[in-house]
Protein backbone atom coordinates (compact mmCIF):
# COMPACT_ATOMS: atom_id res chain seq x y z
CA MET A 1 -0.01 -0.03 -0.01
CA LEU A 2 1.25 3.53 -0.68
CA VAL A 3 0.93 6.21 1.83
CA ILE A 4 1.76 9.80 2.15
CA GLY A 5 3.18 10.76 5.51
CA TYR A 6 2.59 14.47 6.48
CA TRP A 7 4.96 15.40 9.34
CA GLU A 8 5.32 18.52 11.38
CA THR A 9 7.85 19.53 14.20
CA LYS A 10 8.73 22.40 16.33
CA PRO A 11 11.72 24.52 15.67
CA GLU A 12 13.29 23.86 19.11
CA LEU A 13 13.20 20.13 18.38
CA ILE A 14 15.04 20.16 15.00
CA ASP A 15 18.39 19.00 16.36
CA ASP A 16 16.83 16.09 18.05
CA VAL A 17 14.89 15.13 15.03
CA LEU A 18 17.95 15.27 12.86
CA ALA A 19 19.81 13.03 15.30
CA LEU A 20 17.25 10.29 14.79
CA TYR A 21 16.57 11.04 11.00
CA LYS A 22 20.24 10.90 9.93
CA ASP A 23 20.56 7.06 9.64
CA VAL A 24 16.88 5.84 9.71
CA ASP A 25 17.00 4.49 6.25
CA GLU A 26 20.14 2.67 6.76
CA LYS A 27 18.88 1.10 9.99
CA ARG A 28 15.62 0.08 8.06
CA GLU A 29 17.72 -1.57 5.28
CA LYS A 30 19.78 -3.61 7.80
CA GLY A 31 16.46 -4.66 9.36
CA LEU A 32 17.01 -2.77 12.60
CA LEU A 33 13.75 -0.80 12.24
CA ASN A 34 10.47 -2.23 10.80
CA HIS A 35 9.70 1.08 9.11
CA PRO A 36 8.00 1.38 5.53
CA LYS A 37 10.27 1.73 2.52
CA SER A 38 10.65 5.39 1.44
CA ILE A 39 9.71 5.92 -2.21
CA SER A 40 10.41 9.68 -2.43
CA GLU A 41 12.64 12.18 -1.05
CA ASN A 42 11.53 13.94 2.15
CA TYR A 43 10.03 17.22 1.25
CA MET A 44 9.55 20.40 3.38
CA TYR A 45 7.19 23.31 2.85
CA SER A 46 9.31 26.42 2.29
CA GLY A 47 9.74 28.34 5.51
CA LYS A 48 7.91 25.71 7.59
CA ASN A 49 8.81 22.86 9.93
CA SER A 50 6.61 20.60 8.10
CA GLY A 51 6.42 18.49 4.89
CA PHE A 52 5.69 15.04 3.68
CA ARG A 53 7.18 11.89 2.30
CA LEU A 54 5.73 8.95 0.33
CA PHE A 55 6.15 5.35 1.75
CA GLU A 56 5.37 1.77 0.55
CA VAL A 57 3.85 0.02 3.48
CA THR A 58 3.73 -3.79 3.59
CA ASP A 59 2.46 -4.02 7.21
CA PRO A 60 0.38 -1.42 9.01
CA ILE A 61 2.49 -1.79 12.18
CA GLN A 62 5.25 -0.01 10.16
CA ILE A 63 3.26 3.17 10.29
CA GLU A 64 3.06 2.92 14.02
CA ASN A 65 6.64 2.21 14.34
CA VAL A 66 7.43 5.36 12.52
CA LYS A 67 5.16 7.40 14.89
CA TYR A 68 6.83 5.85 17.95
CA TYR A 69 10.38 6.27 16.52
CA TYR A 70 9.83 10.04 16.49
CA TYR A 71 7.44 10.13 19.41
CA GLY A 72 7.31 13.53 21.09
CA LEU A 73 9.43 14.99 18.39
CA ILE A 74 7.38 14.76 15.08
CA GLU A 75 3.59 14.78 14.70
CA TRP A 76 2.71 12.32 11.82
CA THR A 77 -0.47 11.94 9.71
CA PHE A 78 -0.54 9.06 7.29
CA LYS A 79 -3.11 8.80 4.43
CA PRO A 80 -3.26 5.88 1.83
CA ILE A 81 -3.06 6.96 -1.69
CA ILE A 82 -3.83 5.28 -4.97
CA GLU A 83 -3.54 6.26 -8.62
CA ALA A 84 -6.37 8.29 -9.85
CA ASN A 85 -7.08 5.96 -12.71
CA LYS A 86 -7.66 2.98 -10.36
CA SER A 87 -10.06 5.06 -8.28
CA VAL A 88 -12.02 6.07 -11.44
CA LYS A 89 -12.10 2.46 -12.39
CA ALA A 90 -13.47 1.44 -9.00
CA TYR A 91 -16.10 4.07 -9.18
CA LEU A 92 -17.19 3.04 -12.63
CA ASP A 93 -17.18 -0.60 -11.63
CA SER A 94 -19.50 0.08 -8.68
CA LYS A 95 -22.07 1.55 -11.00
CA LYS A 96 -22.49 -1.77 -12.86
């Protein structure tokens, strides 16, 4: 499942966030963290302490693991996403 993860932090927490963030992908790849695979860069809204990243989730617990990894430092909101043409097809199929 593809999800978009929106994140937000406070300016005074950035150093702590960066300390955890710097090697999270490497830890995940080594099997040290059960986090979803990142399928995009981590994007920020210009001038804000918030942004988003796209993930490929194979187990819903991976989302919870991300939330708890950054607990108290980053507020996460995850939303599943699908390709628009697949949504349109599902809609059209539902009308049959």
